[in-house]
Amino acid sequence: FFGKDHIMKTLRNTVVLTLSIVTVMSFNFSSAASDTASGSLAPYFKPATPGPKAPDADGFLQRWLLLEPISLPIRSNAGFTESFVRETITADYFPDQFSVVPKDGDMVTVNDEELKWHALDTTTFNAKVFRFATGLNKPEYGVMFWAVTIIDCPEEIKNVRMAVGSNSASVWWLNGEEAVHLFGDRRMVMDDRVSKRITLKKGRNIVRGCVINGPGLSDFCVRFIDEEYQPVKSYTINLDMAAE
């Protein structure tokens, strides 16, 4: 049906097209691998600046001390029951894990691995800890993230509630007292769980959280709301107070 010249031309075009596709795919793969290897927290995080920072317009806390992820023997989110989460979180990983107020660059040793605390500002209302892990070339699946921040209140604020969302399970404390817990495999939804009425005392208040992630993405968001479920914003976040 077709002449020899036509067949040879078709074969040459097919070979050229195939080589072009392979070249483009190889270039894209190499670029992606290079980007991952280089490690970058942008655009999701940036280094925390000195001094106080206000919550965002909706009251979300966007300044955190994040510990590099702790690897756990987890392969699924299916077993994130209350008993499993509490047992996992309360295991002894590093000294004073429920009371330490770290500084940027502080190190802890967990299972013979040195992990660093990072003082960071989030560029969105939520802290994308999955991106925090990948940006540092750290494990992002089957891990635990610890987060600490410091709220500085000019006056006592009564009858507020801590409102949290997380992917996946998490537990949150205010000044050493458990305020909110979220169990099970869940997506992050703002104000997914809300604490009972609590008081932000005048001066320094410590917010501490622990998020457990199996396979999949992981992030969290935290804010305080009043009796009408409106954001409370009459305070600042000030990691400089960690040195006190």
C-alpha atoms as a PDB file:
ATOM      1  CA  PHE A   1       0.000   0.000   0.000  1.00  0.00           C
ATOM      2  CA  PHE A   2       2.839   2.404   0.839  1.00  0.00           C
ATOM      3  CA  GLY A   3       6.121   2.925  -0.933  1.00  0.00           C
ATOM      4  CA  LYS A   4       9.474   2.154   0.618  1.00  0.00           C
ATOM      5  CA  ASP A   5      10.369   5.851   0.942  1.00  0.00           C
ATOM      6  CA  HIS A   6       7.124   6.591   2.773  1.00  0.00           C
ATOM      7  CA  ILE A   7       7.657   3.724   5.224  1.00  0.00           C
ATOM      8  CA  MET A   8      11.260   4.788   5.958  1.00  0.00           C
ATOM      9  CA  LYS A   9      10.188   8.411   6.531  1.00  0.00           C
ATOM     10  CA  THR A  10       7.455   7.302   8.936  1.00  0.00           C
ATOM     11  CA  LEU A  11       9.900   5.159  10.901  1.00  0.00           C
ATOM     12  CA  ARG A  12      12.388   8.042  11.145  1.00  0.00           C
ATOM     13  CA  ASN A  13       9.685  10.401  12.433  1.00  0.00           C
ATOM     14  CA  THR A  14       8.544   7.826  14.999  1.00  0.00           C
ATOM     15  CA  VAL A  15      12.104   7.366  16.287  1.00  0.00           C
ATOM     16  CA  VAL A  16      12.662  11.127  16.535  1.00  0.00           C
ATOM     17  CA  LEU A  17       9.363  11.632  18.390  1.00  0.00           C
ATOM     18  CA  THR A  18      10.122   8.798  20.819  1.00  0.00           C
ATOM     19  CA  LEU A  19      13.598  10.148  21.573  1.00  0.00           C
ATOM     20  CA  SER A  20      12.159  13.628  22.138  1.00  0.00           C
ATOM     21  CA  ILE A  21       9.587  12.329  24.619  1.00  0.00           C
ATOM     22  CA  VAL A  22      12.210  10.314  26.511  1.00  0.00           C
ATOM     23  CA  THR A  23      14.520  13.349  26.636  1.00  0.00           C
ATOM     24  CA  VAL A  24      11.788  15.607  28.011  1.00  0.00           C
ATOM     25  CA  MET A  25      10.730  13.027  30.598  1.00  0.00           C
ATOM     26  CA  SER A  26      14.337  12.527  31.696  1.00  0.00           C
ATOM     27  CA  PHE A  27      14.855  16.273  31.985  1.00  0.00           C
ATOM     28  CA  ASN A  28      11.691  16.740  34.050  1.00  0.00           C
ATOM     29  CA  PHE A  29      12.565  13.836  36.334  1.00  0.00           C
ATOM     30  CA  SER A  30      16.106  15.131  36.837  1.00  0.00           C
ATOM     31  CA  SER A  31      14.813  18.632  37.584  1.00  0.00           C
ATOM     32  CA  ALA A  32      12.299  17.315  40.121  1.00  0.00           C
ATOM     33  CA  ALA A  33      14.950  15.160  41.775  1.00  0.00           C
ATOM     34  CA  SER A  34      17.302  18.135  41.893  1.00  0.00           C
ATOM     35  CA  ASP A  35      14.620  20.341  43.466  1.00  0.00           C
ATOM     36  CA  THR A  36      13.897  17.700  46.101  1.00  0.00           C
ATOM     37  CA  ALA A  37      17.547  17.082  46.822  1.00  0.00           C
ATOM     38  CA  SER A  38      18.252  20.765  47.290  1.00  0.00           C
ATOM     39  CA  GLY A  39      15.640  21.021  50.038  1.00  0.00           C
ATOM     40  CA  SER A  40      13.550  24.138  50.429  1.00  0.00           C
ATOM     41  CA  LEU A  41      10.815  25.201  52.843  1.00  0.00           C
ATOM     42  CA  ALA A  42       9.529  27.855  50.434  1.00  0.00           C
ATOM     43  CA  PRO A  43       6.841  28.728  49.561  1.00  0.00           C
ATOM     44  CA  TYR A  44       5.106  27.188  52.588  1.00  0.00           C
ATOM     45  CA  PHE A  45       7.425  28.493  55.318  1.00  0.00           C
ATOM     46  CA  LYS A  46       9.949  31.239  55.911  1.00  0.00           C
ATOM     47  CA  PRO A  47      12.287  31.862  58.868  1.00  0.00           C
ATOM     48  CA  ALA A  48      10.548  33.511  61.804  1.00  0.00           C
ATOM     49  CA  THR A  49      11.547  37.131  62.182  1.00  0.00           C
ATOM     50  CA  PRO A  50      12.567  38.634  65.558  1.00  0.00           C
ATOM     51  CA  GLY A  51       9.926  40.214  67.762  1.00  0.00           C
ATOM     52  CA  PRO A  52       6.187  39.629  68.127  1.00  0.00           C
ATOM     53  CA  LYS A  53       3.810  38.603  65.368  1.00  0.00           C
ATOM     54  CA  ALA A  54       0.046  39.072  65.381  1.00  0.00           C
ATOM     55  CA  PRO A  55      -2.278  36.214  64.429  1.00  0.00           C
ATOM     56  CA  ASP A  56      -3.663  36.471  60.911  1.00  0.00           C
ATOM     57  CA  ALA A  57      -6.970  38.165  60.062  1.00  0.00           C
ATOM     58  CA  ASP A  58      -8.889  35.023  61.050  1.00  0.00           C
ATOM     59  CA  GLY A  59      -6.919  34.510  64.250  1.00  0.00           C
ATOM     60  CA  PHE A  60      -4.728  31.613  63.094  1.00  0.00           C
ATOM     61  CA  LEU A  61      -1.280  31.131  64.617  1.00  0.00           C
ATOM     62  CA  GLN A  62       1.340  31.379  61.883  1.00  0.00           C
ATOM     63  CA  ARG A  63       4.565  31.265  63.916  1.00  0.00           C
ATOM     64  CA  TRP A  64       5.813  27.928  65.234  1.00  0.00           C
ATOM     65  CA  LEU A  65       8.804  26.046  66.542  1.00  0.00           C
ATOM     66  CA  LEU A  66       8.690  22.744  64.629  1.00  0.00           C
ATOM     67  CA  LEU A  67      10.803  19.713  65.442  1.00  0.00           C
ATOM     68  CA  GLU A  68      12.068  17.652  62.531  1.00  0.00           C
ATOM     69  CA  PRO A  69       9.869  14.548  62.177  1.00  0.00           C
ATOM     70  CA  ILE A  70      10.302  11.530  64.443  1.00  0.00           C
ATOM     71  CA  SER A  71       9.990   8.266  62.500  1.00  0.00           C
ATOM     72  CA  LEU A  72       7.424   5.771  63.780  1.00  0.00           C
ATOM     73  CA  PRO A  73       6.618   2.142  62.803  1.00  0.00           C
ATOM     74  CA  ILE A  74       3.341   3.206  61.141  1.00  0.00           C
ATOM     75  CA  ARG A  75       2.132   2.010  57.747  1.00  0.00           C
ATOM     76  CA  SER A  76      -1.527   2.969  57.925  1.00  0.00           C
ATOM     77  CA  ASN A  77      -3.843   5.596  59.400  1.00  0.00           C
ATOM     78  CA  ALA A  78      -6.493   2.982  60.095  1.00  0.00           C
ATOM     79  CA  GLY A  79      -5.403   2.324  63.674  1.00  0.00           C
ATOM     80  CA  PHE A  80      -5.323   5.905  64.946  1.00  0.00           C
ATOM     81  CA  THR A  81      -7.599   5.136  67.892  1.00  0.00           C
ATOM     82  CA  GLU A  82      -7.492   7.135  71.093  1.00  0.00           C
ATOM     83  CA  SER A  83      -5.523   4.430  72.903  1.00  0.00           C
ATOM     84  CA  PHE A  84      -2.978   4.127  70.086  1.00  0.00           C
ATOM     85  CA  VAL A  85      -2.487   7.887  69.750  1.00  0.00           C
ATOM     86  CA  ARG A  86      -2.115   8.444  73.488  1.00  0.00           C
ATOM     87  CA  GLU A  87       0.275   5.511  73.889  1.00  0.00           C
ATOM     88  CA  THR A  88       2.375   6.693  70.948  1.00  0.00           C
ATOM     89  CA  ILE A  89       2.530  10.329  72.021  1.00  0.00           C
ATOM     90  CA  THR A  90       3.317   9.633  75.673  1.00  0.00           C
ATOM     91  CA  ALA A  91       6.284   7.381  74.869  1.00  0.00           C
ATOM     92  CA  ASP A  92       9.626   8.862  75.937  1.00  0.00           C
ATOM     93  CA  TYR A  93      11.313  10.389  72.865  1.00  0.00           C
ATOM     94  CA  PHE A  94      13.395  13.302  74.164  1.00  0.00           C
ATOM     95  CA  PRO A  95      13.934  15.046  77.528  1.00  0.00           C
ATOM     96  CA  ASP A  96      11.127  17.257  78.836  1.00  0.00           C
ATOM     97  CA  GLN A  97       9.048  16.734  75.684  1.00  0.00           C
ATOM     98  CA  PHE A  98       5.889  17.963  77.432  1.00  0.00           C
ATOM     99  CA  SER A  99       7.481  21.015  79.025  1.00  0.00           C
ATOM    100  CA  VAL A 100      10.455  22.153  76.944  1.00  0.00           C
ATOM    101  CA  VAL A 101      10.213  25.566  75.287  1.00  0.00           C
ATOM    102  CA  PRO A 102      12.925  25.268  72.634  1.00  0.00           C
ATOM    103  CA  LYS A 103      14.831  27.925  70.736  1.00  0.00           C
ATOM    104  CA  ASP A 104      15.539  27.977  67.032  1.00  0.00           C
ATOM    105  CA  GLY A 105      18.362  25.552  66.266  1.00  0.00           C
ATOM    106  CA  ASP A 106      18.100  23.541  69.482  1.00  0.00           C
ATOM    107  CA  MET A 107      18.846  19.839  68.975  1.00  0.00           C
ATOM    108  CA  VAL A 108      17.374  16.696  70.509  1.00  0.00           C
ATOM    109  CA  THR A 109      18.401  13.068  70.033  1.00  0.00           C
ATOM    110  CA  VAL A 110      15.681  10.535  69.250  1.00  0.00           C
ATOM    111  CA  ASN A 111      16.616   6.905  68.603  1.00  0.00           C
ATOM    112  CA  ASP A 112      20.254   7.919  68.023  1.00  0.00           C
ATOM    113  CA  GLU A 113      19.199  10.521  65.422  1.00  0.00           C
ATOM    114  CA  GLU A 114      19.770  14.240  65.976  1.00  0.00           C
ATOM    115  CA  LEU A 115      16.731  16.382  65.187  1.00  0.00           C
ATOM    116  CA  LYS A 116      16.574  20.168  65.081  1.00  0.00           C
ATOM    117  CA  TRP A 117      13.925  22.674  66.139  1.00  0.00           C
ATOM    118  CA  HIS A 118      13.092  25.280  63.471  1.00  0.00           C
ATOM    119  CA  ALA A 119      11.478  28.670  64.182  1.00  0.00           C
ATOM    120  CA  LEU A 120       9.233  29.311  61.189  1.00  0.00           C
ATOM    121  CA  ASP A 121       6.422  31.511  59.945  1.00  0.00           C
ATOM    122  CA  THR A 122       3.807  29.827  57.785  1.00  0.00           C
ATOM    123  CA  THR A 123       2.737  31.577  54.592  1.00  0.00           C
ATOM    124  CA  THR A 124      -0.780  30.118  54.845  1.00  0.00           C
ATOM    125  CA  PHE A 125      -3.216  29.831  57.749  1.00  0.00           C
ATOM    126  CA  ASN A 126      -2.195  26.193  58.223  1.00  0.00           C
ATOM    127  CA  ALA A 127       1.210  24.679  58.921  1.00  0.00           C
ATOM    128  CA  LYS A 128       1.933  22.183  56.152  1.00  0.00           C
ATOM    129  CA  VAL A 129       4.184  19.829  58.093  1.00  0.00           C
ATOM    130  CA  PHE A 130       4.311  17.353  55.209  1.00  0.00           C
ATOM    131  CA  ARG A 131       6.014  20.120  53.173  1.00  0.00           C
ATOM    132  CA  PHE A 132       8.178  20.942  56.187  1.00  0.00           C
ATOM    133  CA  ALA A 133       9.475  17.356  56.101  1.00  0.00           C
ATOM    134  CA  THR A 134       9.989  17.150  52.350  1.00  0.00           C
ATOM    135  CA  GLY A 135      11.621  20.577  52.275  1.00  0.00           C
ATOM    136  CA  LEU A 136      14.255  19.319  54.719  1.00  0.00           C
ATOM    137  CA  ASN A 137      14.603  15.953  52.942  1.00  0.00           C
ATOM    138  CA  LYS A 138      13.208  14.204  56.010  1.00  0.00           C
ATOM    139  CA  PRO A 139      10.718  11.307  56.197  1.00  0.00           C
ATOM    140  CA  GLU A 140       7.156  12.497  55.655  1.00  0.00           C
ATOM    141  CA  TYR A 141       5.226   9.237  56.125  1.00  0.00           C
ATOM    142  CA  GLY A 142       4.891   7.282  59.367  1.00  0.00           C
ATOM    143  CA  VAL A 143       6.125  10.199  61.458  1.00  0.00           C
ATOM    144  CA  MET A 144       5.333  12.420  64.413  1.00  0.00           C
ATOM    145  CA  PHE A 145       5.617  16.212  64.384  1.00  0.00           C
ATOM    146  CA  TRP A 146       6.034  18.284  67.569  1.00  0.00           C
ATOM    147  CA  ALA A 147       5.044  21.954  67.492  1.00  0.00           C
ATOM    148  CA  VAL A 148       5.426  24.692  70.118  1.00  0.00           C
ATOM    149  CA  THR A 149       4.543  28.359  70.088  1.00  0.00           C
ATOM    150  CA  ILE A 150       4.322  31.170  72.643  1.00  0.00           C
ATOM    151  CA  ILE A 151       1.373  33.523  72.982  1.00  0.00           C
ATOM    152  CA  ASP A 152       1.950  36.787  74.828  1.00  0.00           C
ATOM    153  CA  CYS A 153      -1.241  38.350  76.228  1.00  0.00           C
ATOM    154  CA  PRO A 154      -1.224  41.933  77.525  1.00  0.00           C
ATOM    155  CA  GLU A 155      -4.207  41.041  79.731  1.00  0.00           C
ATOM    156  CA  GLU A 156      -5.978  37.883  80.875  1.00  0.00           C
ATOM    157  CA  ILE A 157      -8.537  36.589  78.357  1.00  0.00           C
ATOM    158  CA  LYS A 158     -11.242  34.350  79.835  1.00  0.00           C
ATOM    159  CA  ASN A 159     -13.759  31.984  78.231  1.00  0.00           C
ATOM    160  CA  VAL A 160     -11.918  31.384  74.990  1.00  0.00           C
ATOM    161  CA  ARG A 161     -11.668  28.071  73.178  1.00  0.00           C
ATOM    162  CA  MET A 162      -8.769  26.505  71.314  1.00  0.00           C
ATOM    163  CA  ALA A 163      -9.984  25.460  67.851  1.00  0.00           C
ATOM    164  CA  VAL A 164      -7.831  22.944  65.958  1.00  0.00           C
ATOM    165  CA  GLY A 165      -7.791  21.037  62.706  1.00  0.00           C
ATOM    166  CA  SER A 166      -5.208  18.419  61.766  1.00  0.00           C
ATOM    167  CA  ASN A 167      -4.323  15.726  59.283  1.00  0.00           C
ATOM    168  CA  SER A 168      -4.122  13.168  60.804  1.00  0.00           C
ATOM    169  CA  ALA A 169      -4.433  12.576  64.567  1.00  0.00           C
ATOM    170  CA  SER A 170      -3.161  15.143  67.066  1.00  0.00           C
ATOM    171  CA  VAL A 171      -3.205  16.253  70.708  1.00  0.00           C
ATOM    172  CA  TRP A 172      -2.843  19.877  71.884  1.00  0.00           C
ATOM    173  CA  TRP A 173      -1.987  21.458  75.231  1.00  0.00           C
ATOM    174  CA  LEU A 174      -2.202  24.963  76.680  1.00  0.00           C
ATOM    175  CA  ASN A 175       0.188  25.734  79.541  1.00  0.00           C
ATOM    176  CA  GLY A 176       0.719  22.041  80.187  1.00  0.00           C
ATOM    177  CA  GLU A 177      -2.981  21.088  80.285  1.00  0.00           C
ATOM    178  CA  GLU A 178      -4.527  19.037  77.504  1.00  0.00           C
ATOM    179  CA  ALA A 179      -7.016  21.202  75.623  1.00  0.00           C
ATOM    180  CA  VAL A 180      -7.947  19.407  72.387  1.00  0.00           C
ATOM    181  CA  HIS A 181      -7.507  15.952  70.878  1.00  0.00           C
ATOM    182  CA  LEU A 182      -8.309  14.635  67.400  1.00  0.00           C
ATOM    183  CA  PHE A 183      -8.221  10.892  66.807  1.00  0.00           C
ATOM    184  CA  GLY A 184      -8.733   8.706  63.768  1.00  0.00           C
ATOM    185  CA  ASP A 185      -7.769   9.148  60.124  1.00  0.00           C
ATOM    186  CA  ARG A 186      -8.992  12.606  59.183  1.00  0.00           C
ATOM    187  CA  ARG A 187      -8.446  15.476  56.812  1.00  0.00           C
ATOM    188  CA  MET A 188      -7.628  18.889  58.177  1.00  0.00           C
ATOM    189  CA  VAL A 189     -10.722  21.047  58.642  1.00  0.00           C
ATOM    190  CA  MET A 190     -10.492  24.401  60.399  1.00  0.00           C
ATOM    191  CA  ASP A 191     -12.094  24.333  63.869  1.00  0.00           C
ATOM    192  CA  ASP A 192     -12.595  20.570  63.528  1.00  0.00           C
ATOM    193  CA  ARG A 193     -12.364  20.176  67.300  1.00  0.00           C
ATOM    194  CA  VAL A 194     -12.870  22.902  69.887  1.00  0.00           C
ATOM    195  CA  SER A 195     -11.806  22.888  73.534  1.00  0.00           C
ATOM    196  CA  LYS A 196     -13.923  23.644  76.551  1.00  0.00           C
ATOM    197  CA  ARG A 197     -13.754  27.225  77.857  1.00  0.00           C
ATOM    198  CA  ILE A 198     -10.215  28.057  78.898  1.00  0.00           C
ATOM    199  CA  THR A 199      -8.260  31.132  79.993  1.00  0.00           C
ATOM    200  CA  LEU A 200      -5.297  32.767  78.323  1.00  0.00           C
ATOM    201  CA  LYS A 201      -3.359  34.205  81.238  1.00  0.00           C
ATOM    202  CA  LYS A 202      -1.636  37.573  81.213  1.00  0.00           C
ATOM    203  CA  GLY A 203       1.879  37.189  79.872  1.00  0.00           C
ATOM    204  CA  ARG A 204       3.359  34.029  78.375  1.00  0.00           C
ATOM    205  CA  ASN A 205       1.131  31.095  77.320  1.00  0.00           C
ATOM    206  CA  ILE A 206       2.607  27.935  75.824  1.00  0.00           C
ATOM    207  CA  VAL A 207       0.760  26.087  73.074  1.00  0.00           C
ATOM    208  CA  ARG A 208       2.114  22.616  72.381  1.00  0.00           C
ATOM    209  CA  GLY A 209       0.933  20.061  69.861  1.00  0.00           C
ATOM    210  CA  CYS A 210       1.819  16.663  68.471  1.00  0.00           C
ATOM    211  CA  VAL A 211       0.606  15.466  65.061  1.00  0.00           C
ATOM    212  CA  ILE A 212       0.895  11.843  63.898  1.00  0.00           C
ATOM    213  CA  ASN A 213       0.894  11.051  60.183  1.00  0.00           C
ATOM    214  CA  GLY A 214       0.771   7.723  58.381  1.00  0.00           C
ATOM    215  CA  PRO A 215       0.699   7.706  54.578  1.00  0.00           C
ATOM    216  CA  GLY A 216      -0.537  10.892  52.930  1.00  0.00           C
ATOM    217  CA  LEU A 217      -0.300  14.624  53.459  1.00  0.00           C
ATOM    218  CA  SER A 218      -0.201  16.238  56.896  1.00  0.00           C
ATOM    219  CA  ASP A 219      -0.920  19.739  58.219  1.00  0.00           C
ATOM    220  CA  PHE A 220      -2.595  21.551  61.098  1.00  0.00           C
ATOM    221  CA  CYS A 221      -4.205  24.871  62.019  1.00  0.00           C
ATOM    222  CA  VAL A 222      -4.794  26.434  65.444  1.00  0.00           C
ATOM    223  CA  ARG A 223      -6.604  29.535  66.633  1.00  0.00           C
ATOM    224  CA  PHE A 224      -8.598  30.791  69.618  1.00  0.00           C
ATOM    225  CA  ILE A 225     -12.252  31.772  69.364  1.00  0.00           C
ATOM    226  CA  ASP A 226     -14.650  33.574  71.696  1.00  0.00           C
ATOM    227  CA  GLU A 227     -18.164  32.717  72.901  1.00  0.00           C
ATOM    228  CA  GLU A 228     -19.600  33.761  69.514  1.00  0.00           C
ATOM    229  CA  TYR A 229     -17.047  31.631  67.676  1.00  0.00           C
ATOM    230  CA  GLN A 230     -15.267  34.762  66.462  1.00  0.00           C
ATOM    231  CA  PRO A 231     -11.446  34.808  66.306  1.00  0.00           C
ATOM    232  CA  VAL A 232      -9.570  36.133  69.325  1.00  0.00           C
ATOM    233  CA  LYS A 233      -6.674  38.325  68.189  1.00  0.00           C
ATOM    234  CA  SER A 234      -5.762  40.517  71.169  1.00  0.00           C
ATOM    235  CA  TYR A 235      -2.344  38.900  71.704  1.00  0.00           C
ATOM    236  CA  THR A 236       0.905  38.311  69.825  1.00  0.00           C
ATOM    237  CA  ILE A 237       3.029  35.271  69.075  1.00  0.00           C
ATOM    238  CA  ASN A 238       6.555  35.854  70.345  1.00  0.00           C
ATOM    239  CA  LEU A 239       9.171  33.116  70.081  1.00  0.00           C
ATOM    240  CA  ASP A 240      11.792  35.496  71.507  1.00  0.00           C
ATOM    241  CA  MET A 241      10.236  34.682  74.876  1.00  0.00           C
ATOM    242  CA  ALA A 242      11.566  31.129  74.538  1.00  0.00           C
ATOM    243  CA  ALA A 243      14.863  32.403  75.893  1.00  0.00           C
ATOM    244  CA  GLU A 244      13.273  33.587  79.140  1.00  0.00           C
END
